[in-house]
Amino acid sequence: MKALRKQEVTIQAANEFKVGDQIEVGKYTATCQKVTRKGALFLLDQYLDTAYQMNRKNTNKGGYEASDLRKELQKEEVLGIFSSVRSIMVPFKNGDLFRIPYAEEFFGDIDGYKSSGKKQWSLMKDRNNCIAIREGEFWEWGWLQNKVKSSSVHFAVVGEGAYADCGNASSLFGVRPVFWLG
């Protein structure tokens, strides 16, 4: 992603972010996708170094909210990566500091997936911004929150060619956390 401007993250600057701003978070970069009164919503530009399963059992029962992946993202192993911005992170409504993107935030309205009612992020209109890698890897698939309507085991994923697809909940795919700074 092309950065409009790179920002140092400080408590004073948290309310000055603009869509496209990039910050460093540990060894990763994150880009601001949206700004609201709540703060600035960021998405990691790369996948975390570890690929994760949505669920150990191959099911989408309970959706992302009940998933093993959601629990993994709240563990200290992941939280520690964000120590440089932790003091200004704002939790989501469910109390989590991280979530993964919805299909609509990447691709706009698409059929076949349980709708989240979310809007496409403006930077994702350039499909290249949907693609991510893990260090030392080629493009790979990455998890999205949406369940597939016609399946009891599939969740939405970002395909290697920047398109929406689906994958078995027990498959290992990349994870790009989304988080608020405020």
N, C-alpha and C. Protein backbone atom coordinates (compact mmCIF):
# COMPACT_ATOMS: atom_id res chain seq x y z
N MET A 1 0.83 -1.18 0.00
CA MET A 1 0.00 0.00 0.00
C MET A 1 0.87 1.24 0.00
N LYS A 2 0.46 2.19 -0.72
CA LYS A 2 1.19 3.45 -0.76
C LYS A 2 0.71 4.31 0.40
N ALA A 3 1.64 4.75 1.21
CA ALA A 3 1.29 5.58 2.37
C ALA A 3 1.13 7.03 1.95
N LEU A 4 0.10 7.66 2.44
CA LEU A 4 -0.04 9.09 2.23
C LEU A 4 0.96 9.85 3.09
N ARG A 5 1.13 9.37 4.28
CA ARG A 5 2.13 9.93 5.18
C ARG A 5 2.36 8.94 6.31
N LYS A 6 3.58 8.87 6.78
CA LYS A 6 3.92 7.96 7.86
C LYS A 6 3.85 8.72 9.18
N GLN A 7 3.22 8.13 10.17
CA GLN A 7 3.00 8.80 11.44
C GLN A 7 3.74 8.10 12.57
N GLU A 8 4.27 8.90 13.47
CA GLU A 8 4.73 8.37 14.74
C GLU A 8 3.47 8.22 15.59
N VAL A 9 3.37 7.11 16.29
CA VAL A 9 2.18 6.88 17.10
C VAL A 9 2.42 7.42 18.50
N THR A 10 1.68 8.44 18.85
CA THR A 10 1.72 8.99 20.19
C THR A 10 0.29 9.23 20.63
N ILE A 11 0.10 9.36 21.89
CA ILE A 11 -1.24 9.62 22.40
C ILE A 11 -1.79 10.91 21.80
N GLN A 12 -0.94 11.93 21.62
CA GLN A 12 -1.40 13.20 21.07
C GLN A 12 -1.80 13.06 19.60
N ALA A 13 -1.14 12.17 18.85
CA ALA A 13 -1.39 12.05 17.42
C ALA A 13 -2.50 11.08 17.06
N ALA A 14 -2.98 10.32 18.02
CA ALA A 14 -3.96 9.27 17.71
C ALA A 14 -5.21 9.82 17.03
N ASN A 15 -5.61 11.03 17.33
CA ASN A 15 -6.82 11.59 16.71
C ASN A 15 -6.51 12.35 15.43
N GLU A 16 -5.28 12.31 14.94
CA GLU A 16 -4.90 13.06 13.75
C GLU A 16 -4.67 12.17 12.53
N PHE A 17 -5.00 10.88 12.62
CA PHE A 17 -4.77 9.97 11.50
C PHE A 17 -5.73 10.25 10.36
N LYS A 18 -5.27 9.93 9.16
CA LYS A 18 -6.07 10.02 7.95
C LYS A 18 -6.01 8.67 7.23
N VAL A 19 -7.03 8.35 6.45
CA VAL A 19 -7.04 7.12 5.67
C VAL A 19 -5.78 7.09 4.81
N GLY A 20 -5.07 5.98 4.87
CA GLY A 20 -3.83 5.82 4.11
C GLY A 20 -2.58 5.99 4.95
N ASP A 21 -2.69 6.60 6.13
CA ASP A 21 -1.52 6.74 7.00
C ASP A 21 -1.02 5.36 7.40
N GLN A 22 0.29 5.22 7.47
CA GLN A 22 0.89 3.96 7.91
C GLN A 22 1.64 4.18 9.21
N ILE A 23 1.61 3.15 10.05
CA ILE A 23 2.36 3.15 11.30
C ILE A 23 3.15 1.85 11.38
N GLU A 24 4.18 1.85 12.21
CA GLU A 24 4.92 0.64 12.50
C GLU A 24 4.36 0.04 13.78
N VAL A 25 4.15 -1.27 13.73
CA VAL A 25 3.66 -2.02 14.89
C VAL A 25 4.58 -3.23 15.02
N GLY A 26 5.55 -3.13 15.93
CA GLY A 26 6.56 -4.18 16.00
C GLY A 26 7.30 -4.23 14.68
N LYS A 27 7.42 -5.41 14.09
CA LYS A 27 8.10 -5.54 12.79
C LYS A 27 7.15 -5.40 11.61
N TYR A 28 5.89 -5.13 11.88
CA TYR A 28 4.86 -5.01 10.85
C TYR A 28 4.56 -3.54 10.55
N THR A 29 3.82 -3.31 9.47
CA THR A 29 3.23 -2.00 9.22
C THR A 29 1.71 -2.19 9.19
N ALA A 30 1.01 -1.12 9.50
CA ALA A 30 -0.46 -1.12 9.46
C ALA A 30 -0.90 0.16 8.78
N THR A 31 -2.00 0.06 8.04
CA THR A 31 -2.51 1.22 7.30
C THR A 31 -3.90 1.58 7.82
N CYS A 32 -4.13 2.87 8.00
CA CYS A 32 -5.42 3.38 8.44
C CYS A 32 -6.45 3.18 7.32
N GLN A 33 -7.54 2.49 7.64
CA GLN A 33 -8.59 2.19 6.67
C GLN A 33 -9.80 3.10 6.81
N LYS A 34 -10.00 3.64 8.02
CA LYS A 34 -11.22 4.40 8.28
C LYS A 34 -10.99 5.27 9.51
N VAL A 35 -11.59 6.45 9.52
CA VAL A 35 -11.50 7.35 10.67
C VAL A 35 -12.92 7.74 11.07
N THR A 36 -13.22 7.61 12.36
CA THR A 36 -14.52 7.99 12.91
C THR A 36 -14.29 8.75 14.22
N ARG A 37 -15.37 9.11 14.87
CA ARG A 37 -15.25 9.76 16.18
C ARG A 37 -14.58 8.84 17.20
N LYS A 38 -14.74 7.52 17.00
CA LYS A 38 -14.14 6.54 17.91
C LYS A 38 -12.62 6.54 17.80
N GLY A 39 -12.10 6.84 16.60
CA GLY A 39 -10.66 6.82 16.38
C GLY A 39 -10.35 6.40 14.96
N ALA A 40 -9.19 5.81 14.79
CA ALA A 40 -8.71 5.37 13.49
C ALA A 40 -8.64 3.85 13.47
N LEU A 41 -9.23 3.25 12.43
CA LEU A 41 -9.25 1.80 12.28
C LEU A 41 -8.08 1.40 11.38
N PHE A 42 -7.23 0.51 11.88
CA PHE A 42 -6.04 0.06 11.16
C PHE A 42 -6.14 -1.41 10.82
N LEU A 43 -5.47 -1.78 9.73
CA LEU A 43 -5.33 -3.16 9.27
C LEU A 43 -3.85 -3.42 9.04
N LEU A 44 -3.35 -4.55 9.57
CA LEU A 44 -1.96 -4.91 9.27
C LEU A 44 -1.80 -5.09 7.77
N ASP A 45 -0.67 -4.66 7.24
CA ASP A 45 -0.39 -4.81 5.82
C ASP A 45 0.11 -6.21 5.48
N GLN A 46 0.63 -6.91 6.46
CA GLN A 46 1.12 -8.28 6.28
C GLN A 46 0.29 -9.22 7.15
N TYR A 47 0.38 -10.51 6.82
CA TYR A 47 -0.18 -11.51 7.71
C TYR A 47 0.76 -11.70 8.89
N LEU A 48 0.20 -12.07 10.03
CA LEU A 48 1.03 -12.46 11.17
C LEU A 48 1.93 -13.61 10.73
N ASP A 49 3.05 -13.79 11.40
CA ASP A 49 4.02 -14.82 11.02
C ASP A 49 3.46 -16.24 11.09
N THR A 50 2.49 -16.45 11.94
CA THR A 50 1.87 -17.76 12.10
C THR A 50 0.56 -17.83 11.34
N ALA A 51 0.37 -18.90 10.57
CA ALA A 51 -0.95 -19.16 9.95
C ALA A 51 -1.82 -19.81 11.02
N TYR A 52 -3.10 -19.50 10.99
CA TYR A 52 -4.04 -19.99 12.02
C TYR A 52 -5.21 -20.71 11.39
N GLN A 53 -5.82 -21.59 12.19
CA GLN A 53 -7.11 -22.19 11.84
C GLN A 53 -8.19 -21.30 12.40
N MET A 54 -9.33 -21.24 11.72
CA MET A 54 -10.47 -20.54 12.29
C MET A 54 -10.97 -21.36 13.49
N ASN A 55 -11.08 -22.67 13.30
CA ASN A 55 -11.49 -23.60 14.37
C ASN A 55 -10.71 -24.89 14.22
N ARG A 56 -10.36 -25.49 15.35
CA ARG A 56 -9.69 -26.80 15.30
C ARG A 56 -10.63 -27.85 14.71
N LYS A 57 -11.91 -27.81 15.11
CA LYS A 57 -12.91 -28.69 14.51
C LYS A 57 -13.42 -27.99 13.26
N ASN A 58 -13.68 -28.74 12.23
CA ASN A 58 -14.07 -28.16 10.94
C ASN A 58 -15.54 -27.76 10.95
N THR A 59 -15.82 -26.61 11.58
CA THR A 59 -17.18 -26.10 11.69
C THR A 59 -17.17 -24.57 11.68
N ASN A 60 -18.25 -23.98 11.21
CA ASN A 60 -18.39 -22.53 11.32
C ASN A 60 -19.50 -22.17 12.32
N LYS A 61 -19.92 -23.15 13.11
CA LYS A 61 -20.96 -22.92 14.12
C LYS A 61 -20.53 -21.80 15.08
N GLY A 62 -21.41 -20.85 15.27
CA GLY A 62 -21.12 -19.71 16.14
C GLY A 62 -20.36 -18.59 15.46
N GLY A 63 -19.92 -18.81 14.21
CA GLY A 63 -19.22 -17.78 13.45
C GLY A 63 -17.89 -17.40 14.08
N TYR A 64 -17.37 -16.27 13.65
CA TYR A 64 -16.09 -15.79 14.16
C TYR A 64 -16.16 -15.55 15.66
N GLU A 65 -17.28 -15.05 16.17
CA GLU A 65 -17.41 -14.74 17.59
C GLU A 65 -17.12 -15.94 18.48
N ALA A 66 -17.47 -17.16 18.04
CA ALA A 66 -17.25 -18.37 18.83
C ALA A 66 -16.00 -19.14 18.37
N SER A 67 -15.21 -18.55 17.51
CA SER A 67 -14.10 -19.29 16.90
C SER A 67 -12.87 -19.39 17.78
N ASP A 68 -12.08 -20.42 17.49
CA ASP A 68 -10.78 -20.58 18.14
C ASP A 68 -9.84 -19.44 17.74
N LEU A 69 -9.94 -18.97 16.51
CA LEU A 69 -9.08 -17.87 16.05
C LEU A 69 -9.30 -16.62 16.88
N ARG A 70 -10.54 -16.30 17.16
CA ARG A 70 -10.83 -15.11 17.98
C ARG A 70 -10.13 -15.22 19.33
N LYS A 71 -10.17 -16.39 19.94
CA LYS A 71 -9.50 -16.60 21.23
C LYS A 71 -7.99 -16.46 21.09
N GLU A 72 -7.42 -16.96 20.01
CA GLU A 72 -5.98 -16.86 19.78
C GLU A 72 -5.53 -15.41 19.66
N LEU A 73 -6.34 -14.59 19.00
CA LEU A 73 -5.95 -13.19 18.81
C LEU A 73 -5.95 -12.37 20.10
N GLN A 74 -6.58 -12.87 21.14
CA GLN A 74 -6.63 -12.15 22.40
C GLN A 74 -5.54 -12.60 23.37
N LYS A 75 -4.72 -13.57 22.95
CA LYS A 75 -3.66 -14.09 23.81
C LYS A 75 -2.46 -13.14 23.81
N GLU A 76 -1.67 -13.23 24.86
CA GLU A 76 -0.51 -12.35 25.03
C GLU A 76 0.49 -12.48 23.89
N GLU A 77 0.58 -13.65 23.27
CA GLU A 77 1.49 -13.85 22.14
C GLU A 77 1.20 -12.83 21.01
N VAL A 78 -0.06 -12.58 20.76
CA VAL A 78 -0.43 -11.60 19.73
C VAL A 78 -0.46 -10.20 20.33
N LEU A 79 -1.02 -10.05 21.50
CA LEU A 79 -1.09 -8.73 22.13
C LEU A 79 0.28 -8.10 22.27
N GLY A 80 1.30 -8.91 22.56
CA GLY A 80 2.66 -8.40 22.74
C GLY A 80 3.22 -7.72 21.51
N ILE A 81 2.80 -8.16 20.33
CA ILE A 81 3.25 -7.55 19.07
C ILE A 81 2.85 -6.07 19.03
N PHE A 82 1.75 -5.73 19.68
CA PHE A 82 1.17 -4.40 19.62
C PHE A 82 1.50 -3.55 20.84
N SER A 83 2.57 -3.89 21.55
CA SER A 83 2.92 -3.17 22.78
C SER A 83 3.17 -1.68 22.54
N SER A 84 3.67 -1.32 21.35
CA SER A 84 3.98 0.09 21.08
C SER A 84 2.73 0.95 20.96
N VAL A 85 1.59 0.36 20.68
CA VAL A 85 0.34 1.14 20.54
C VAL A 85 -0.73 0.70 21.53
N ARG A 86 -0.40 -0.24 22.38
CA ARG A 86 -1.41 -0.82 23.29
C ARG A 86 -2.09 0.23 24.16
N SER A 87 -1.37 1.26 24.59
CA SER A 87 -1.95 2.26 25.50
C SER A 87 -3.02 3.11 24.82
N ILE A 88 -3.06 3.13 23.48
CA ILE A 88 -4.08 3.93 22.79
C ILE A 88 -5.04 3.07 21.97
N MET A 89 -4.98 1.76 22.17
CA MET A 89 -5.92 0.88 21.48
C MET A 89 -7.29 0.98 22.14
N VAL A 90 -8.31 0.97 21.31
CA VAL A 90 -9.70 1.05 21.77
C VAL A 90 -10.37 -0.28 21.47
N PRO A 91 -10.99 -0.91 22.47
CA PRO A 91 -11.62 -2.20 22.21
C PRO A 91 -12.86 -2.09 21.31
N PHE A 92 -13.14 -3.17 20.62
CA PHE A 92 -14.38 -3.29 19.85
C PHE A 92 -15.54 -3.47 20.83
N LYS A 93 -16.78 -3.45 20.33
CA LYS A 93 -17.96 -3.56 21.19
C LYS A 93 -17.94 -4.81 22.06
N ASN A 94 -17.34 -5.90 21.56
CA ASN A 94 -17.31 -7.15 22.33
C ASN A 94 -16.15 -7.19 23.33
N GLY A 95 -15.37 -6.12 23.41
CA GLY A 95 -14.26 -6.04 24.36
C GLY A 95 -12.92 -6.48 23.79
N ASP A 96 -12.89 -7.08 22.61
CA ASP A 96 -11.65 -7.53 21.98
C ASP A 96 -10.85 -6.34 21.47
N LEU A 97 -9.53 -6.48 21.50
CA LEU A 97 -8.67 -5.45 20.93
C LEU A 97 -8.41 -5.68 19.45
N PHE A 98 -8.69 -6.88 18.95
CA PHE A 98 -8.48 -7.22 17.55
C PHE A 98 -9.68 -7.94 16.99
N ARG A 99 -9.81 -7.86 15.69
CA ARG A 99 -10.72 -8.70 14.94
C ARG A 99 -10.07 -8.91 13.58
N ILE A 100 -10.71 -9.72 12.74
CA ILE A 100 -10.25 -9.85 11.37
C ILE A 100 -11.28 -9.16 10.48
N PRO A 101 -10.90 -8.84 9.25
CA PRO A 101 -11.81 -8.10 8.37
C PRO A 101 -13.03 -8.92 7.94
N TYR A 102 -14.05 -8.20 7.50
CA TYR A 102 -15.22 -8.79 6.86
C TYR A 102 -15.01 -8.76 5.35
N ALA A 103 -15.64 -9.68 4.65
CA ALA A 103 -15.51 -9.74 3.19
C ALA A 103 -15.94 -8.42 2.55
N GLU A 104 -17.00 -7.80 3.05
CA GLU A 104 -17.49 -6.55 2.47
C GLU A 104 -16.48 -5.42 2.61
N GLU A 105 -15.67 -5.42 3.67
CA GLU A 105 -14.68 -4.37 3.86
C GLU A 105 -13.59 -4.44 2.78
N PHE A 106 -13.35 -5.63 2.26
CA PHE A 106 -12.38 -5.81 1.19
C PHE A 106 -13.02 -5.69 -0.19
N PHE A 107 -14.16 -6.34 -0.39
CA PHE A 107 -14.71 -6.53 -1.73
C PHE A 107 -16.06 -5.87 -1.98
N GLY A 108 -16.63 -5.19 -1.01
CA GLY A 108 -17.97 -4.63 -1.17
C GLY A 108 -19.00 -5.73 -1.02
N ASP A 109 -20.21 -5.49 -1.45
CA ASP A 109 -21.28 -6.49 -1.34
C ASP A 109 -21.00 -7.67 -2.25
N ILE A 110 -21.04 -8.86 -1.67
CA ILE A 110 -20.85 -10.08 -2.46
C ILE A 110 -21.88 -11.12 -2.02
N ASP A 111 -22.34 -11.90 -2.97
CA ASP A 111 -23.33 -12.93 -2.70
C ASP A 111 -22.67 -14.18 -2.13
N GLY A 112 -23.47 -14.95 -1.38
CA GLY A 112 -23.01 -16.24 -0.90
C GLY A 112 -22.43 -16.24 0.50
N TYR A 113 -22.23 -15.06 1.08
CA TYR A 113 -21.63 -14.95 2.40
C TYR A 113 -22.61 -14.28 3.34
N LYS A 114 -22.59 -14.68 4.60
CA LYS A 114 -23.45 -14.03 5.58
C LYS A 114 -23.03 -12.57 5.67
N SER A 115 -23.95 -11.66 5.41
CA SER A 115 -23.64 -10.23 5.34
C SER A 115 -23.36 -9.65 6.71
N SER A 116 -22.41 -8.73 6.75
CA SER A 116 -22.07 -8.04 7.98
C SER A 116 -22.66 -6.63 8.02
N GLY A 117 -23.11 -6.14 6.86
CA GLY A 117 -23.60 -4.78 6.77
C GLY A 117 -22.48 -3.74 6.72
N LYS A 118 -21.25 -4.19 6.63
CA LYS A 118 -20.10 -3.28 6.56
C LYS A 118 -19.95 -2.73 5.14
N LYS A 119 -19.26 -1.62 5.04
CA LYS A 119 -18.97 -0.98 3.75
C LYS A 119 -17.53 -1.25 3.35
N GLN A 120 -17.28 -1.25 2.03
CA GLN A 120 -15.94 -1.47 1.53
C GLN A 120 -15.04 -0.30 1.91
N TRP A 121 -13.84 -0.63 2.42
CA TRP A 121 -12.86 0.41 2.71
C TRP A 121 -12.37 0.99 1.40
N SER A 122 -12.21 2.30 1.34
CA SER A 122 -11.84 2.96 0.09
C SER A 122 -10.52 2.45 -0.47
N LEU A 123 -9.55 2.14 0.36
CA LEU A 123 -8.25 1.65 -0.13
C LEU A 123 -8.36 0.27 -0.75
N MET A 124 -9.40 -0.49 -0.40
CA MET A 124 -9.55 -1.85 -0.93
C MET A 124 -10.17 -1.87 -2.33
N LYS A 125 -10.58 -0.69 -2.82
CA LYS A 125 -11.05 -0.64 -4.21
C LYS A 125 -9.89 -0.95 -5.16
N ASP A 126 -8.66 -0.74 -4.71
CA ASP A 126 -7.47 -1.20 -5.42
C ASP A 126 -7.20 -2.61 -4.92
N ARG A 127 -7.51 -3.61 -5.73
CA ARG A 127 -7.41 -5.02 -5.31
C ARG A 127 -6.03 -5.40 -4.80
N ASN A 128 -5.00 -4.71 -5.23
CA ASN A 128 -3.65 -5.01 -4.73
C ASN A 128 -3.56 -4.85 -3.22
N ASN A 129 -4.39 -3.97 -2.64
CA ASN A 129 -4.37 -3.76 -1.20
C ASN A 129 -5.03 -4.91 -0.43
N CYS A 130 -5.76 -5.77 -1.12
CA CYS A 130 -6.38 -6.93 -0.48
C CYS A 130 -5.38 -8.05 -0.26
N ILE A 131 -4.30 -8.02 -1.03
CA ILE A 131 -3.31 -9.10 -1.00
C ILE A 131 -2.31 -8.86 0.12
N ALA A 132 -1.92 -9.94 0.78
CA ALA A 132 -0.90 -9.85 1.83
C ALA A 132 -0.04 -11.11 1.79
N ILE A 133 1.10 -11.02 2.45
CA ILE A 133 2.00 -12.16 2.56
C ILE A 133 2.44 -12.29 4.01
N ARG A 134 2.98 -13.45 4.33
CA ARG A 134 3.73 -13.63 5.57
C ARG A 134 5.19 -13.54 5.19
N GLU A 135 6.02 -13.13 6.12
CA GLU A 135 7.45 -12.99 5.84
C GLU A 135 8.01 -14.26 5.23
N GLY A 136 8.68 -14.10 4.10
CA GLY A 136 9.31 -15.24 3.44
C GLY A 136 8.38 -16.10 2.62
N GLU A 137 7.13 -15.69 2.48
CA GLU A 137 6.15 -16.48 1.73
C GLU A 137 5.68 -15.71 0.50
N PHE A 138 5.03 -16.42 -0.41
CA PHE A 138 4.35 -15.78 -1.53
C PHE A 138 2.97 -15.37 -1.08
N TRP A 139 2.20 -14.77 -1.98
CA TRP A 139 0.81 -14.45 -1.65
C TRP A 139 0.15 -15.70 -1.10
N GLU A 140 -0.72 -15.50 -0.19
CA GLU A 140 -1.44 -16.64 0.36
C GLU A 140 -2.87 -16.24 0.72
N TRP A 141 -3.62 -17.19 1.11
CA TRP A 141 -5.00 -16.96 1.48
C TRP A 141 -5.05 -16.43 2.90
N GLY A 142 -6.09 -15.65 3.19
CA GLY A 142 -6.24 -15.07 4.52
C GLY A 142 -7.70 -15.08 4.97
N TRP A 143 -7.91 -15.26 6.25
CA TRP A 143 -9.25 -15.36 6.82
C TRP A 143 -10.01 -14.04 6.78
N LEU A 144 -11.32 -14.17 6.55
CA LEU A 144 -12.30 -13.10 6.72
C LEU A 144 -13.37 -13.61 7.67
N GLN A 145 -14.13 -12.73 8.29
CA GLN A 145 -15.09 -13.15 9.33
C GLN A 145 -16.33 -13.87 8.81
N ASN A 146 -16.76 -13.63 7.61
CA ASN A 146 -18.05 -14.10 7.13
C ASN A 146 -18.13 -15.61 7.00
N LYS A 147 -19.24 -16.16 7.45
CA LYS A 147 -19.55 -17.57 7.20
C LYS A 147 -20.14 -17.69 5.79
N VAL A 148 -19.92 -18.85 5.18
CA VAL A 148 -20.53 -19.13 3.89
C VAL A 148 -21.94 -19.63 4.15
N LYS A 149 -22.93 -19.00 3.51
CA LYS A 149 -24.34 -19.31 3.76
C LYS A 149 -24.69 -20.77 3.53
N SER A 150 -24.16 -21.37 2.48
CA SER A 150 -24.57 -22.72 2.09
C SER A 150 -23.69 -23.81 2.68
N SER A 151 -22.93 -23.51 3.73
CA SER A 151 -21.98 -24.48 4.26
C SER A 151 -21.96 -24.43 5.78
N SER A 152 -21.68 -25.57 6.38
CA SER A 152 -21.54 -25.61 7.84
C SER A 152 -20.08 -25.61 8.25
N VAL A 153 -19.16 -25.58 7.27
CA VAL A 153 -17.74 -25.66 7.60
C VAL A 153 -16.91 -24.54 7.01
N HIS A 154 -17.44 -23.72 6.11
CA HIS A 154 -16.65 -22.73 5.40
C HIS A 154 -16.79 -21.32 5.96
N PHE A 155 -15.66 -20.60 5.94
CA PHE A 155 -15.61 -19.17 6.19
C PHE A 155 -15.06 -18.52 4.93
N ALA A 156 -15.30 -17.22 4.80
CA ALA A 156 -14.75 -16.47 3.67
C ALA A 156 -13.25 -16.29 3.85
N VAL A 157 -12.55 -16.27 2.73
CA VAL A 157 -11.12 -15.99 2.72
C VAL A 157 -10.81 -15.06 1.57
N VAL A 158 -9.67 -14.40 1.66
CA VAL A 158 -9.13 -13.64 0.54
C VAL A 158 -8.27 -14.62 -0.24
N GLY A 159 -8.60 -14.82 -1.51
CA GLY A 159 -7.81 -15.70 -2.35
C GLY A 159 -6.53 -15.03 -2.80
N GLU A 160 -5.59 -15.83 -3.26
CA GLU A 160 -4.27 -15.32 -3.66
C GLU A 160 -4.35 -14.26 -4.75
N GLY A 161 -5.37 -14.30 -5.57
CA GLY A 161 -5.51 -13.31 -6.65
C GLY A 161 -6.39 -12.14 -6.27
N ALA A 162 -6.54 -11.87 -4.98
CA ALA A 162 -7.33 -10.75 -4.47
C ALA A 162 -8.81 -10.89 -4.83
N TYR A 163 -9.38 -12.05 -4.52
CA TYR A 163 -10.80 -12.27 -4.71
C TYR A 163 -11.36 -12.98 -3.48
N ALA A 164 -12.67 -12.92 -3.30
CA ALA A 164 -13.31 -13.61 -2.18
C ALA A 164 -13.51 -15.06 -2.55
N ASP A 165 -13.16 -15.93 -1.64
CA ASP A 165 -13.33 -17.37 -1.80
C ASP A 165 -13.75 -17.91 -0.45
N CYS A 166 -13.64 -19.21 -0.27
CA CYS A 166 -13.97 -19.78 1.03
C CYS A 166 -12.99 -20.90 1.35
N GLY A 167 -12.88 -21.20 2.63
CA GLY A 167 -11.98 -22.26 3.08
C GLY A 167 -12.56 -22.98 4.27
N ASN A 168 -12.15 -24.24 4.43
CA ASN A 168 -12.58 -25.03 5.58
C ASN A 168 -12.07 -24.40 6.88
N ALA A 169 -12.91 -24.39 7.89
CA ALA A 169 -12.58 -23.74 9.15
C ALA A 169 -11.31 -24.30 9.79
N SER A 170 -10.97 -25.55 9.51
CA SER A 170 -9.79 -26.14 10.13
C SER A 170 -8.52 -25.96 9.29
N SER A 171 -8.62 -25.26 8.17
CA SER A 171 -7.44 -25.00 7.34
C SER A 171 -6.59 -23.89 7.96
N LEU A 172 -5.32 -23.89 7.64
CA LEU A 172 -4.40 -22.86 8.10
C LEU A 172 -4.29 -21.76 7.05
N PHE A 173 -4.65 -20.51 7.44
CA PHE A 173 -4.57 -19.37 6.55
C PHE A 173 -3.98 -18.18 7.28
N GLY A 174 -3.62 -17.15 6.52
CA GLY A 174 -3.06 -15.94 7.08
C GLY A 174 -4.09 -15.13 7.85
N VAL A 175 -3.59 -14.30 8.77
CA VAL A 175 -4.43 -13.45 9.61
C VAL A 175 -3.88 -12.03 9.61
N ARG A 176 -4.75 -11.07 9.25
CA ARG A 176 -4.41 -9.65 9.29
C ARG A 176 -5.31 -8.97 10.32
N PRO A 177 -4.83 -8.76 11.52
CA PRO A 177 -5.67 -8.13 12.53
C PRO A 177 -6.08 -6.70 12.18
N VAL A 178 -7.28 -6.37 12.60
CA VAL A 178 -7.86 -5.03 12.51
C VAL A 178 -7.94 -4.50 13.93
N PHE A 179 -7.59 -3.22 14.14
CA PHE A 179 -7.63 -2.66 15.48
C PHE A 179 -7.87 -1.15 15.43
N TRP A 180 -8.45 -0.65 16.52
CA TRP A 180 -8.73 0.79 16.66
C TRP A 180 -7.65 1.48 17.46
N LEU A 181 -7.27 2.67 17.06
CA LEU A 181 -6.45 3.56 17.88
C LEU A 181 -7.28 4.81 18.12
N GLY A 182 -7.32 5.25 19.36
CA GLY A 182 -8.14 6.41 19.66
C GLY A 182 -7.55 7.26 20.75
